[in-house]
Amino acid sequence: MPQRDSTHPEIRIYRTMRTIRVFEERLHAEFAAGGVPGAVHLYAGQEAIAAGVCAALADDDYVASTHRGHGHAIAKGCDVTAMMLEIHGKAGGVCGGKGGSMHIADFDRGMLGANGVAAGGVPLSAGAALSAKVRGTDQVSVAFVGDGGANQGAFAESLVLARVWNLPVVFVVEDNGYAQATGTRFHLDGRDVAPRGEAVGVPSVVVDGYDVIAVRDAAAEAVARARSGGGPSLLDCKAHRFFGHMEGWDQQGYRGAGEVDRLRSEHDCLAIHTRRLLADGTAGSAELAAVDAEVAELVDAAVTAARSAPDPDPAELLTDVYAAV
């Protein structure tokens, strides 16, 4: 689990973002070396969204994720080593090594699961919000979805039901510019998703997804609205991913020349937050370097554990299913 810095909330956010970045870049290297089975979708570049949104949540709030879900899981507090074991398909993984990258879930942390179905987590999150309302708790649910997933019927249906039933749910659209390889100028006609929420009476706002403080503040307002009985909100967060849609086959030929290099040099959310912390005196370079060292050690230990862990016992094959014969 990422260590919880007790000093300043914006340094805690930095730690979360750094943990996601190091985790994802290490997975990129591990996959290239042939050490990771199955499909892997990396979140690097979008850390400000997961970190900013989850900074506004309580421990018992819910999130439902996407196929690109490592960042959401880390930001919600899932154990980094257990995640690494899971992604490597090993015993001791957060789901027993049987789910892999796209199916990480940890109900104890309010992580309802990553999902291989586009927008598949959106109705799950709406259902969790309905459960909270029926049970009379003040819990809030967050539905993460990509710009491509926002075109699925489940997304529109969940928006309508959330408004009609006044559910405590926040829809977070992570517009990374591409639905796999199809640019938003084609599948969204270059438009924002926020007006879709407004059309059914859901308060909606477009957010700079590279600015973690802007995301956190927008999320805090939406979460407060939901927790106080004000119903759903939609955050339309703009931030591109650094890597391809999926590891192993996407060479990003659909992106313009130098696009990724420009993203890394001009729109790196971690670098933007670092400059802010240093400029306003919230943190010094030595303090951030110490966080970096701790995160690197954490991820190194997670990889070492994953490489040496045993495979799941074959007897586990029929556990965690609806029916066994």
C-alpha atoms as a PDB file:
ATOM      1  CA  MET A   1       0.000   0.000   0.000  1.00  0.00           C
ATOM      2  CA  PRO A   2       1.341   3.504  -0.780  1.00  0.00           C
ATOM      3  CA  GLN A   3       2.651   5.096   2.387  1.00  0.00           C
ATOM      4  CA  ARG A   4       0.429   7.808   3.836  1.00  0.00           C
ATOM      5  CA  ASP A   5       2.410  11.021   4.357  1.00  0.00           C
ATOM      6  CA  SER A   6       1.051  12.710   7.484  1.00  0.00           C
ATOM      7  CA  THR A   7       2.515  16.144   6.829  1.00  0.00           C
ATOM      8  CA  HIS A   8       0.708  17.977   4.058  1.00  0.00           C
ATOM      9  CA  PRO A   9      -2.179  16.849   1.811  1.00  0.00           C
ATOM     10  CA  GLU A  10      -0.460  18.047  -1.351  1.00  0.00           C
ATOM     11  CA  ILE A  11       2.652  16.045  -0.490  1.00  0.00           C
ATOM     12  CA  ARG A  12       0.434  13.004   0.077  1.00  0.00           C
ATOM     13  CA  ILE A  13      -0.989  13.608  -3.384  1.00  0.00           C
ATOM     14  CA  TYR A  14       2.556  13.832  -4.761  1.00  0.00           C
ATOM     15  CA  ARG A  15       3.376  10.464  -3.189  1.00  0.00           C
ATOM     16  CA  THR A  16       0.302   8.893  -4.751  1.00  0.00           C
ATOM     17  CA  MET A  17       1.119  10.285  -8.192  1.00  0.00           C
ATOM     18  CA  ARG A  18       4.761   9.229  -7.940  1.00  0.00           C
ATOM     19  CA  THR A  19       3.730   5.724  -6.867  1.00  0.00           C
ATOM     20  CA  ILE A  20       1.431   5.369  -9.861  1.00  0.00           C
ATOM     21  CA  ARG A  21       4.086   6.681 -12.259  1.00  0.00           C
ATOM     22  CA  VAL A  22       6.868   4.404 -10.977  1.00  0.00           C
ATOM     23  CA  PHE A  23       4.522   1.417 -10.816  1.00  0.00           C
ATOM     24  CA  GLU A  24       3.396   1.906 -14.427  1.00  0.00           C
ATOM     25  CA  GLU A  25       6.817   2.598 -15.904  1.00  0.00           C
ATOM     26  CA  ARG A  26       8.191  -0.450 -14.108  1.00  0.00           C
ATOM     27  CA  LEU A  27       5.351  -2.571 -15.501  1.00  0.00           C
ATOM     28  CA  HIS A  28       6.148  -1.246 -18.968  1.00  0.00           C
ATOM     29  CA  ALA A  29       9.712  -2.529 -18.586  1.00  0.00           C
ATOM     30  CA  GLU A  30       8.595  -5.823 -17.030  1.00  0.00           C
ATOM     31  CA  PHE A  31       6.140  -6.458 -19.856  1.00  0.00           C
ATOM     32  CA  ALA A  32       8.769  -5.703 -22.500  1.00  0.00           C
ATOM     33  CA  ALA A  33      11.071  -8.237 -20.811  1.00  0.00           C
ATOM     34  CA  GLY A  34       8.376 -10.907 -21.018  1.00  0.00           C
ATOM     35  CA  GLY A  35       7.672 -11.050 -17.301  1.00  0.00           C
ATOM     36  CA  VAL A  36       3.990 -10.103 -17.295  1.00  0.00           C
ATOM     37  CA  PRO A  37       1.215 -12.334 -18.690  1.00  0.00           C
ATOM     38  CA  GLY A  38      -2.020 -11.166 -20.247  1.00  0.00           C
ATOM     39  CA  ALA A  39      -3.226  -7.739 -21.282  1.00  0.00           C
ATOM     40  CA  VAL A  40      -1.839  -4.611 -19.595  1.00  0.00           C
ATOM     41  CA  HIS A  41      -3.130  -1.056 -20.073  1.00  0.00           C
ATOM     42  CA  LEU A  42      -0.969   1.645 -18.507  1.00  0.00           C
ATOM     43  CA  TYR A  43      -2.193   4.812 -16.811  1.00  0.00           C
ATOM     44  CA  ALA A  44       0.976   6.957 -16.883  1.00  0.00           C
ATOM     45  CA  GLY A  45       0.199  10.564 -17.821  1.00  0.00           C
ATOM     46  CA  GLN A  46      -3.208  10.590 -16.148  1.00  0.00           C
ATOM     47  CA  GLU A  47      -2.079  10.309 -12.512  1.00  0.00           C
ATOM     48  CA  ALA A  48      -3.583  13.666 -11.577  1.00  0.00           C
ATOM     49  CA  ILE A  49      -7.097  12.378 -12.214  1.00  0.00           C
ATOM     50  CA  ALA A  50      -6.940   9.298  -9.990  1.00  0.00           C
ATOM     51  CA  ALA A  51      -4.933  11.064  -7.279  1.00  0.00           C
ATOM     52  CA  GLY A  52      -7.075  14.192  -7.308  1.00  0.00           C
ATOM     53  CA  VAL A  53     -10.415  12.387  -7.248  1.00  0.00           C
ATOM     54  CA  CYS A  54      -9.445   9.863  -4.579  1.00  0.00           C
ATOM     55  CA  ALA A  55      -7.980  12.616  -2.389  1.00  0.00           C
ATOM     56  CA  ALA A  56     -11.558  13.857  -2.023  1.00  0.00           C
ATOM     57  CA  LEU A  57     -12.920  10.456  -0.950  1.00  0.00           C
ATOM     58  CA  ALA A  58     -13.248   8.730   2.403  1.00  0.00           C
ATOM     59  CA  ASP A  59     -11.882   5.247   2.986  1.00  0.00           C
ATOM     60  CA  ASP A  60     -15.344   3.675   2.832  1.00  0.00           C
ATOM     61  CA  ASP A  61     -16.369   5.409  -0.391  1.00  0.00           C
ATOM     62  CA  TYR A  62     -16.478   3.355  -3.579  1.00  0.00           C
ATOM     63  CA  VAL A  63     -14.756   3.517  -6.956  1.00  0.00           C
ATOM     64  CA  ALA A  64     -15.440   1.415 -10.034  1.00  0.00           C
ATOM     65  CA  SER A  65     -12.642   1.376 -12.575  1.00  0.00           C
ATOM     66  CA  THR A  66     -11.813   0.643 -16.200  1.00  0.00           C
ATOM     67  CA  HIS A  67      -9.399  -1.658 -18.023  1.00  0.00           C
ATOM     68  CA  ARG A  68      -6.798   1.080 -17.325  1.00  0.00           C
ATOM     69  CA  GLY A  69      -7.248   0.775 -13.595  1.00  0.00           C
ATOM     70  CA  HIS A  70      -3.889   0.551 -11.791  1.00  0.00           C
ATOM     71  CA  GLY A  71      -3.883   4.259 -10.993  1.00  0.00           C
ATOM     72  CA  HIS A  72      -7.371   4.161  -9.505  1.00  0.00           C
ATOM     73  CA  ALA A  73      -6.472   1.152  -7.350  1.00  0.00           C
ATOM     74  CA  ILE A  74      -3.284   2.744  -6.009  1.00  0.00           C
ATOM     75  CA  ALA A  75      -4.991   6.072  -5.354  1.00  0.00           C
ATOM     76  CA  LYS A  76      -7.772   4.296  -3.427  1.00  0.00           C
ATOM     77  CA  GLY A  77      -5.185   2.631  -1.212  1.00  0.00           C
ATOM     78  CA  CYS A  78      -4.853  -0.894  -2.620  1.00  0.00           C
ATOM     79  CA  ASP A  79      -1.663  -2.681  -1.599  1.00  0.00           C
ATOM     80  CA  VAL A  80       1.058  -2.188  -4.222  1.00  0.00           C
ATOM     81  CA  THR A  81       2.725  -5.550  -3.647  1.00  0.00           C
ATOM     82  CA  ALA A  82      -0.574  -7.428  -3.799  1.00  0.00           C
ATOM     83  CA  MET A  83      -1.354  -5.584  -7.032  1.00  0.00           C
ATOM     84  CA  MET A  84       2.007  -6.509  -8.550  1.00  0.00           C
ATOM     85  CA  LEU A  85       1.485 -10.157  -7.563  1.00  0.00           C
ATOM     86  CA  GLU A  86      -1.944 -10.066  -9.165  1.00  0.00           C
ATOM     87  CA  ILE A  87      -0.699  -8.585 -12.422  1.00  0.00           C
ATOM     88  CA  HIS A  88       1.983 -11.293 -12.567  1.00  0.00           C
ATOM     89  CA  GLY A  89      -0.673 -13.956 -11.973  1.00  0.00           C
ATOM     90  CA  LYS A  90       0.802 -15.079  -8.655  1.00  0.00           C
ATOM     91  CA  ALA A  91      -0.563 -16.436  -5.392  1.00  0.00           C
ATOM     92  CA  GLY A  92      -0.982 -13.670  -2.856  1.00  0.00           C
ATOM     93  CA  GLY A  93      -2.301 -11.279  -5.454  1.00  0.00           C
ATOM     94  CA  VAL A  94      -5.144  -9.008  -4.433  1.00  0.00           C
ATOM     95  CA  CYS A  95      -7.523 -11.363  -6.296  1.00  0.00           C
ATOM     96  CA  GLY A  96      -5.510 -14.522  -5.762  1.00  0.00           C
ATOM     97  CA  GLY A  97      -3.574 -14.141  -8.995  1.00  0.00           C
ATOM     98  CA  LYS A  98      -6.629 -15.118 -11.028  1.00  0.00           C
ATOM     99  CA  GLY A  99      -7.826 -11.757 -12.298  1.00  0.00           C
ATOM    100  CA  GLY A 100      -4.739 -10.050 -13.649  1.00  0.00           C
ATOM    101  CA  SER A 101      -4.331  -6.431 -14.636  1.00  0.00           C
ATOM    102  CA  MET A 102      -7.874  -5.758 -15.866  1.00  0.00           C
ATOM    103  CA  HIS A 103      -9.712  -7.258 -12.900  1.00  0.00           C
ATOM    104  CA  ILE A 104      -8.082  -5.837  -9.780  1.00  0.00           C
ATOM    105  CA  ALA A 105     -10.614  -5.443  -6.989  1.00  0.00           C
ATOM    106  CA  ASP A 106     -10.362  -4.915  -3.247  1.00  0.00           C
ATOM    107  CA  PHE A 107     -13.701  -4.433  -1.528  1.00  0.00           C
ATOM    108  CA  ASP A 108     -11.975  -3.642   1.761  1.00  0.00           C
ATOM    109  CA  ARG A 109     -10.603  -0.497   0.133  1.00  0.00           C
ATOM    110  CA  GLY A 110     -13.849   0.350  -1.691  1.00  0.00           C
ATOM    111  CA  MET A 111     -12.286  -0.700  -5.005  1.00  0.00           C
ATOM    112  CA  LEU A 112     -15.152  -2.429  -6.810  1.00  0.00           C
ATOM    113  CA  GLY A 113     -12.875  -3.596  -9.586  1.00  0.00           C
ATOM    114  CA  ALA A 114     -11.262  -2.791 -12.868  1.00  0.00           C
ATOM    115  CA  ASN A 115     -13.345  -3.913 -15.819  1.00  0.00           C
ATOM    116  CA  GLY A 116     -12.506  -5.257 -19.261  1.00  0.00           C
ATOM    117  CA  VAL A 117     -15.842  -4.030 -20.646  1.00  0.00           C
ATOM    118  CA  ALA A 118     -15.922  -0.416 -21.813  1.00  0.00           C
ATOM    119  CA  ALA A 119     -18.047   1.510 -19.297  1.00  0.00           C
ATOM    120  CA  GLY A 120     -18.704  -1.765 -17.483  1.00  0.00           C
ATOM    121  CA  GLY A 121     -17.919  -0.218 -14.113  1.00  0.00           C
ATOM    122  CA  VAL A 122     -20.323   2.708 -14.530  1.00  0.00           C
ATOM    123  CA  PRO A 123     -23.574   0.886 -13.676  1.00  0.00           C
ATOM    124  CA  LEU A 124     -21.730  -0.956 -10.881  1.00  0.00           C
ATOM    125  CA  SER A 125     -20.809   2.375  -9.343  1.00  0.00           C
ATOM    126  CA  ALA A 126     -24.365   3.627  -9.736  1.00  0.00           C
ATOM    127  CA  GLY A 127     -25.532   0.456  -8.001  1.00  0.00           C
ATOM    128  CA  ALA A 128     -23.126   1.035  -5.128  1.00  0.00           C
ATOM    129  CA  ALA A 129     -24.505   4.559  -4.811  1.00  0.00           C
ATOM    130  CA  LEU A 130     -28.053   3.195  -4.747  1.00  0.00           C
ATOM    131  CA  SER A 131     -27.013   0.742  -2.027  1.00  0.00           C
ATOM    132  CA  ALA A 132     -25.568   3.571   0.060  1.00  0.00           C
ATOM    133  CA  LYS A 133     -28.746   5.590  -0.337  1.00  0.00           C
ATOM    134  CA  VAL A 134     -31.013   2.683   0.596  1.00  0.00           C
ATOM    135  CA  ARG A 135     -28.853   1.811   3.618  1.00  0.00           C
ATOM    136  CA  GLY A 136     -28.840   5.423   4.743  1.00  0.00           C
ATOM    137  CA  THR A 137     -25.071   5.885   4.822  1.00  0.00           C
ATOM    138  CA  ASP A 138     -23.236   8.976   3.590  1.00  0.00           C
ATOM    139  CA  GLN A 139     -20.995   6.966   1.257  1.00  0.00           C
ATOM    140  CA  VAL A 140     -20.231   8.260  -2.218  1.00  0.00           C
ATOM    141  CA  SER A 141     -19.458   6.227  -5.316  1.00  0.00           C
ATOM    142  CA  VAL A 142     -17.192   7.229  -8.226  1.00  0.00           C
ATOM    143  CA  ALA A 143     -17.495   5.822 -11.735  1.00  0.00           C
ATOM    144  CA  PHE A 144     -14.336   6.163 -13.810  1.00  0.00           C
ATOM    145  CA  VAL A 145     -14.851   5.852 -17.576  1.00  0.00           C
ATOM    146  CA  GLY A 146     -12.842   6.725 -20.675  1.00  0.00           C
ATOM    147  CA  ASP A 147     -13.941   8.978 -23.512  1.00  0.00           C
ATOM    148  CA  GLY A 148     -14.634   5.888 -25.632  1.00  0.00           C
ATOM    149  CA  GLY A 149     -16.642   4.256 -22.868  1.00  0.00           C
ATOM    150  CA  ALA A 150     -18.720   7.417 -22.565  1.00  0.00           C
ATOM    151  CA  ASN A 151     -20.292   6.421 -25.902  1.00  0.00           C
ATOM    152  CA  GLN A 152     -21.675   3.194 -24.436  1.00  0.00           C
ATOM    153  CA  GLY A 153     -25.356   2.943 -23.644  1.00  0.00           C
ATOM    154  CA  ALA A 154     -24.610   1.903 -20.074  1.00  0.00           C
ATOM    155  CA  PHE A 155     -23.065   5.311 -19.477  1.00  0.00           C
ATOM    156  CA  ALA A 156     -26.120   7.225 -20.686  1.00  0.00           C
ATOM    157  CA  GLU A 157     -28.497   4.927 -18.828  1.00  0.00           C
ATOM    158  CA  SER A 158     -26.554   5.300 -15.591  1.00  0.00           C
ATOM    159  CA  LEU A 159     -26.544   9.095 -15.925  1.00  0.00           C
ATOM    160  CA  VAL A 160     -30.323   9.151 -16.312  1.00  0.00           C
ATOM    161  CA  LEU A 161     -30.976   6.749 -13.424  1.00  0.00           C
ATOM    162  CA  ALA A 162     -28.552   8.604 -11.171  1.00  0.00           C
ATOM    163  CA  ARG A 163     -30.415  11.850 -11.799  1.00  0.00           C
ATOM    164  CA  VAL A 164     -33.901  10.341 -11.475  1.00  0.00           C
ATOM    165  CA  TRP A 165     -32.988   8.523  -8.241  1.00  0.00           C
ATOM    166  CA  ASN A 166     -30.739  11.353  -6.993  1.00  0.00           C
ATOM    167  CA  LEU A 167     -27.847   8.970  -6.358  1.00  0.00           C
ATOM    168  CA  PRO A 168     -24.614   9.924  -4.542  1.00  0.00           C
ATOM    169  CA  VAL A 169     -22.367   9.146  -7.509  1.00  0.00           C
ATOM    170  CA  VAL A 170     -19.680  11.112  -9.362  1.00  0.00           C
ATOM    171  CA  PHE A 171     -19.048  10.229 -13.000  1.00  0.00           C
ATOM    172  CA  VAL A 172     -15.410  10.882 -13.898  1.00  0.00           C
ATOM    173  CA  VAL A 173     -14.722  10.857 -17.633  1.00  0.00           C
ATOM    174  CA  GLU A 174     -11.004  10.427 -18.370  1.00  0.00           C
ATOM    175  CA  ASP A 175     -10.700  11.886 -21.852  1.00  0.00           C
ATOM    176  CA  ASN A 176      -7.292  10.667 -23.008  1.00  0.00           C
ATOM    177  CA  GLY A 177      -7.892  11.719 -26.585  1.00  0.00           C
ATOM    178  CA  TYR A 178      -8.374   8.262 -28.032  1.00  0.00           C
ATOM    179  CA  ALA A 179     -10.864   5.417 -27.862  1.00  0.00           C
ATOM    180  CA  GLN A 180      -8.126   2.827 -28.445  1.00  0.00           C
ATOM    181  CA  ALA A 181      -6.839   4.344 -31.712  1.00  0.00           C
ATOM    182  CA  THR A 182      -9.809   6.536 -32.696  1.00  0.00           C
ATOM    183  CA  GLY A 183      -9.334  10.195 -31.827  1.00  0.00           C
ATOM    184  CA  THR A 184     -12.012  12.179 -30.042  1.00  0.00           C
ATOM    185  CA  ARG A 185     -12.287  14.460 -33.061  1.00  0.00           C
ATOM    186  CA  PHE A 186     -13.896  11.474 -34.785  1.00  0.00           C
ATOM    187  CA  HIS A 187     -15.840   9.558 -32.125  1.00  0.00           C
ATOM    188  CA  LEU A 188     -16.907  12.675 -30.173  1.00  0.00           C
ATOM    189  CA  ASP A 189     -16.734  15.138 -33.062  1.00  0.00           C
ATOM    190  CA  GLY A 190     -14.233  17.056 -30.951  1.00  0.00           C
ATOM    191  CA  ARG A 191     -16.887  17.818 -28.349  1.00  0.00           C
ATOM    192  CA  ASP A 192     -16.799  17.602 -24.563  1.00  0.00           C
ATOM    193  CA  VAL A 193     -18.715  14.910 -22.689  1.00  0.00           C
ATOM    194  CA  ALA A 194     -19.898  17.355 -20.015  1.00  0.00           C
ATOM    195  CA  PRO A 195     -22.956  18.550 -22.007  1.00  0.00           C
ATOM    196  CA  ARG A 196     -24.313  14.999 -21.948  1.00  0.00           C
ATOM    197  CA  GLY A 197     -24.584  15.250 -18.192  1.00  0.00           C
ATOM    198  CA  GLU A 198     -26.080  18.726 -18.355  1.00  0.00           C
ATOM    199  CA  ALA A 199     -28.694  17.454 -20.813  1.00  0.00           C
ATOM    200  CA  VAL A 200     -30.201  15.214 -18.139  1.00  0.00           C
ATOM    201  CA  GLY A 201     -29.792  17.661 -15.278  1.00  0.00           C
ATOM    202  CA  VAL A 202     -26.494  16.411 -13.859  1.00  0.00           C
ATOM    203  CA  PRO A 203     -24.121  19.230 -12.803  1.00  0.00           C
ATOM    204  CA  SER A 204     -21.109  18.849 -15.089  1.00  0.00           C
ATOM    205  CA  VAL A 205     -17.761  20.569 -15.461  1.00  0.00           C
ATOM    206  CA  VAL A 206     -14.709  20.306 -17.732  1.00  0.00           C
ATOM    207  CA  VAL A 207     -11.483  19.939 -15.735  1.00  0.00           C
ATOM    208  CA  ASP A 208      -7.804  20.237 -16.644  1.00  0.00           C
ATOM    209  CA  GLY A 209      -6.744  16.646 -15.990  1.00  0.00           C
ATOM    210  CA  TYR A 210      -3.068  17.626 -15.841  1.00  0.00           C
ATOM    211  CA  ASP A 211      -3.664  19.830 -12.791  1.00  0.00           C
ATOM    212  CA  VAL A 212      -4.152  17.591  -9.758  1.00  0.00           C
ATOM    213  CA  ILE A 213      -5.313  20.457  -7.550  1.00  0.00           C
ATOM    214  CA  ALA A 214      -7.961  21.478 -10.082  1.00  0.00           C
ATOM    215  CA  VAL A 215      -9.134  17.857 -10.194  1.00  0.00           C
ATOM    216  CA  ARG A 216      -9.138  17.543  -6.406  1.00  0.00           C
ATOM    217  CA  ASP A 217     -11.108  20.760  -5.935  1.00  0.00           C
ATOM    218  CA  ALA A 218     -13.687  19.821  -8.583  1.00  0.00           C
ATOM    219  CA  ALA A 219     -13.986  16.336  -7.092  1.00  0.00           C
ATOM    220  CA  ALA A 220     -14.337  17.727  -3.563  1.00  0.00           C
ATOM    221  CA  GLU A 221     -17.259  19.891  -4.663  1.00  0.00           C
ATOM    222  CA  ALA A 222     -18.940  16.979  -6.439  1.00  0.00           C
ATOM    223  CA  VAL A 223     -18.358  14.593  -3.526  1.00  0.00           C
ATOM    224  CA  ALA A 224     -19.722  17.131  -1.038  1.00  0.00           C
ATOM    225  CA  ARG A 225     -22.821  17.547  -3.202  1.00  0.00           C
ATOM    226  CA  ALA A 226     -23.360  13.798  -3.339  1.00  0.00           C
ATOM    227  CA  ARG A 227     -22.701  13.264   0.368  1.00  0.00           C
ATOM    228  CA  SER A 228     -25.165  15.963   1.370  1.00  0.00           C
ATOM    229  CA  GLY A 229     -27.998  14.525  -0.726  1.00  0.00           C
ATOM    230  CA  GLY A 230     -27.494  16.752  -3.765  1.00  0.00           C
ATOM    231  CA  GLY A 231     -27.219  13.875  -6.207  1.00  0.00           C
ATOM    232  CA  PRO A 232     -24.825  13.071  -9.060  1.00  0.00           C
ATOM    233  CA  SER A 233     -22.164  15.131 -10.809  1.00  0.00           C
ATOM    234  CA  LEU A 234     -19.969  14.653 -13.872  1.00  0.00           C
ATOM    235  CA  LEU A 235     -16.308  15.645 -14.176  1.00  0.00           C
ATOM    236  CA  ASP A 236     -14.972  15.738 -17.743  1.00  0.00           C
ATOM    237  CA  CYS A 237     -11.204  15.471 -17.173  1.00  0.00           C
ATOM    238  CA  LYS A 238      -8.798  16.043 -20.064  1.00  0.00           C
ATOM    239  CA  ALA A 239      -5.443  14.234 -19.879  1.00  0.00           C
ATOM    240  CA  HIS A 240      -3.688  12.054 -22.448  1.00  0.00           C
ATOM    241  CA  ARG A 241      -1.949   8.785 -21.655  1.00  0.00           C
ATOM    242  CA  PHE A 242       1.781   8.452 -22.343  1.00  0.00           C
ATOM    243  CA  PHE A 243       1.774   4.830 -23.498  1.00  0.00           C
ATOM    244  CA  GLY A 244      -0.296   3.028 -26.089  1.00  0.00           C
ATOM    245  CA  HIS A 245      -3.770   1.680 -25.545  1.00  0.00           C
ATOM    246  CA  MET A 246      -2.325  -1.697 -24.547  1.00  0.00           C
ATOM    247  CA  GLU A 247       1.167  -3.060 -24.060  1.00  0.00           C
ATOM    248  CA  GLY A 248       2.650  -5.321 -26.687  1.00  0.00           C
ATOM    249  CA  TRP A 249       0.897  -4.358 -29.885  1.00  0.00           C
ATOM    250  CA  ASP A 250       0.004  -0.659 -29.951  1.00  0.00           C
ATOM    251  CA  GLN A 251       2.870   1.295 -31.552  1.00  0.00           C
ATOM    252  CA  GLN A 252       0.744   4.487 -31.484  1.00  0.00           C
ATOM    253  CA  GLY A 253       0.955   5.049 -35.215  1.00  0.00           C
ATOM    254  CA  TYR A 254      -2.293   6.999 -34.985  1.00  0.00           C
ATOM    255  CA  ARG A 255      -0.572   9.743 -32.975  1.00  0.00           C
ATOM    256  CA  GLY A 256       1.122  12.679 -34.617  1.00  0.00           C
ATOM    257  CA  ALA A 257       4.894  12.951 -34.888  1.00  0.00           C
ATOM    258  CA  GLY A 258       6.377  13.986 -31.562  1.00  0.00           C
ATOM    259  CA  GLU A 259       3.002  13.978 -29.789  1.00  0.00           C
ATOM    260  CA  VAL A 260       4.085  11.796 -26.874  1.00  0.00           C
ATOM    261  CA  ASP A 261       7.361  13.685 -26.464  1.00  0.00           C
ATOM    262  CA  ARG A 262       5.425  16.959 -26.258  1.00  0.00           C
ATOM    263  CA  LEU A 263       3.055  15.468 -23.712  1.00  0.00           C
ATOM    264  CA  ARG A 264       5.950  14.381 -21.510  1.00  0.00           C
ATOM    265  CA  SER A 265       7.780  17.702 -21.816  1.00  0.00           C
ATOM    266  CA  GLU A 266       4.837  20.122 -21.640  1.00  0.00           C
ATOM    267  CA  HIS A 267       1.920  18.305 -19.975  1.00  0.00           C
ATOM    268  CA  ASP A 268       3.409  15.979 -17.393  1.00  0.00           C
ATOM    269  CA  CYS A 269       1.010  16.248 -14.450  1.00  0.00           C
ATOM    270  CA  LEU A 270       3.669  15.039 -12.018  1.00  0.00           C
ATOM    271  CA  ALA A 271       6.146  17.681 -13.163  1.00  0.00           C
ATOM    272  CA  ILE A 272       3.433  20.360 -12.962  1.00  0.00           C
ATOM    273  CA  HIS A 273       2.601  19.408  -9.379  1.00  0.00           C
ATOM    274  CA  THR A 274       6.283  19.201  -8.450  1.00  0.00           C
ATOM    275  CA  ARG A 275       6.913  22.741  -9.702  1.00  0.00           C
ATOM    276  CA  ARG A 276       3.942  24.018  -7.701  1.00  0.00           C
ATOM    277  CA  LEU A 277       5.137  22.350  -4.482  1.00  0.00           C
ATOM    278  CA  LEU A 278       8.619  23.789  -4.873  1.00  0.00           C
ATOM    279  CA  ALA A 279       7.449  27.244  -5.936  1.00  0.00           C
ATOM    280  CA  ASP A 280       5.036  27.790  -3.048  1.00  0.00           C
ATOM    281  CA  GLY A 281       7.351  26.268  -0.460  1.00  0.00           C
ATOM    282  CA  THR A 282       5.066  23.371   0.423  1.00  0.00           C
ATOM    283  CA  ALA A 283       7.980  20.977  -0.104  1.00  0.00           C
ATOM    284  CA  GLY A 284      11.690  21.169  -0.739  1.00  0.00           C
ATOM    285  CA  SER A 285      13.630  19.202  -3.329  1.00  0.00           C
ATOM    286  CA  ALA A 286      15.219  17.014  -0.645  1.00  0.00           C
ATOM    287  CA  GLU A 287      11.811  16.131   0.794  1.00  0.00           C
ATOM    288  CA  LEU A 288      10.462  15.133  -2.607  1.00  0.00           C
ATOM    289  CA  ALA A 289      13.637  13.186  -3.373  1.00  0.00           C
ATOM    290  CA  ALA A 290      13.096  11.234  -0.161  1.00  0.00           C
ATOM    291  CA  VAL A 291       9.546  10.394  -1.250  1.00  0.00           C
ATOM    292  CA  ASP A 292      10.882   9.294  -4.643  1.00  0.00           C
ATOM    293  CA  ALA A 293      13.417   6.992  -2.992  1.00  0.00           C
ATOM    294  CA  GLU A 294      10.764   5.430  -0.752  1.00  0.00           C
ATOM    295  CA  VAL A 295       8.439   4.851  -3.705  1.00  0.00           C
ATOM    296  CA  ALA A 296      11.225   3.309  -5.786  1.00  0.00           C
ATOM    297  CA  GLU A 297      12.049   0.952  -2.916  1.00  0.00           C
ATOM    298  CA  LEU A 298       8.380   0.046  -2.526  1.00  0.00           C
ATOM    299  CA  VAL A 299       7.946  -0.826  -6.215  1.00  0.00           C
ATOM    300  CA  ASP A 300      11.283  -2.682  -6.371  1.00  0.00           C
ATOM    301  CA  ALA A 301      10.190  -4.825  -3.434  1.00  0.00           C
ATOM    302  CA  ALA A 302       6.833  -5.488  -5.096  1.00  0.00           C
ATOM    303  CA  VAL A 303       8.508  -6.679  -8.306  1.00  0.00           C
ATOM    304  CA  THR A 304      10.942  -8.867  -6.368  1.00  0.00           C
ATOM    305  CA  ALA A 305       8.033 -10.442  -4.496  1.00  0.00           C
ATOM    306  CA  ALA A 306       6.111 -11.037  -7.727  1.00  0.00           C
ATOM    307  CA  ARG A 307       9.064 -12.685  -9.450  1.00  0.00           C
ATOM    308  CA  SER A 308       9.605 -15.136  -6.598  1.00  0.00           C
ATOM    309  CA  ALA A 309       5.983 -15.864  -5.655  1.00  0.00           C
ATOM    310  CA  PRO A 310       4.416 -19.238  -6.523  1.00  0.00           C
ATOM    311  CA  ASP A 311       1.624 -19.685  -9.013  1.00  0.00           C
ATOM    312  CA  PRO A 312      -1.875 -20.048  -7.558  1.00  0.00           C
ATOM    313  CA  ASP A 313      -2.761 -23.535  -6.348  1.00  0.00           C
ATOM    314  CA  PRO A 314      -4.807 -25.314  -9.057  1.00  0.00           C
ATOM    315  CA  ALA A 315      -7.345 -26.138  -6.348  1.00  0.00           C
ATOM    316  CA  GLU A 316      -8.211 -22.430  -6.326  1.00  0.00           C
ATOM    317  CA  LEU A 317      -9.652 -22.687  -9.822  1.00  0.00           C
ATOM    318  CA  LEU A 318     -13.202 -23.265  -8.658  1.00  0.00           C
ATOM    319  CA  THR A 319     -13.209 -20.713  -5.847  1.00  0.00           C
ATOM    320  CA  ASP A 320     -14.573 -17.178  -6.182  1.00  0.00           C
ATOM    321  CA  VAL A 321     -17.152 -18.242  -8.772  1.00  0.00           C
ATOM    322  CA  TYR A 322     -20.921 -18.272  -8.635  1.00  0.00           C
ATOM    323  CA  ALA A 323     -21.140 -22.053  -8.973  1.00  0.00           C
ATOM    324  CA  ALA A 324     -18.709 -24.940  -8.610  1.00  0.00           C
ATOM    325  CA  VAL A 325     -19.169 -28.522  -9.810  1.00  0.00           C
END
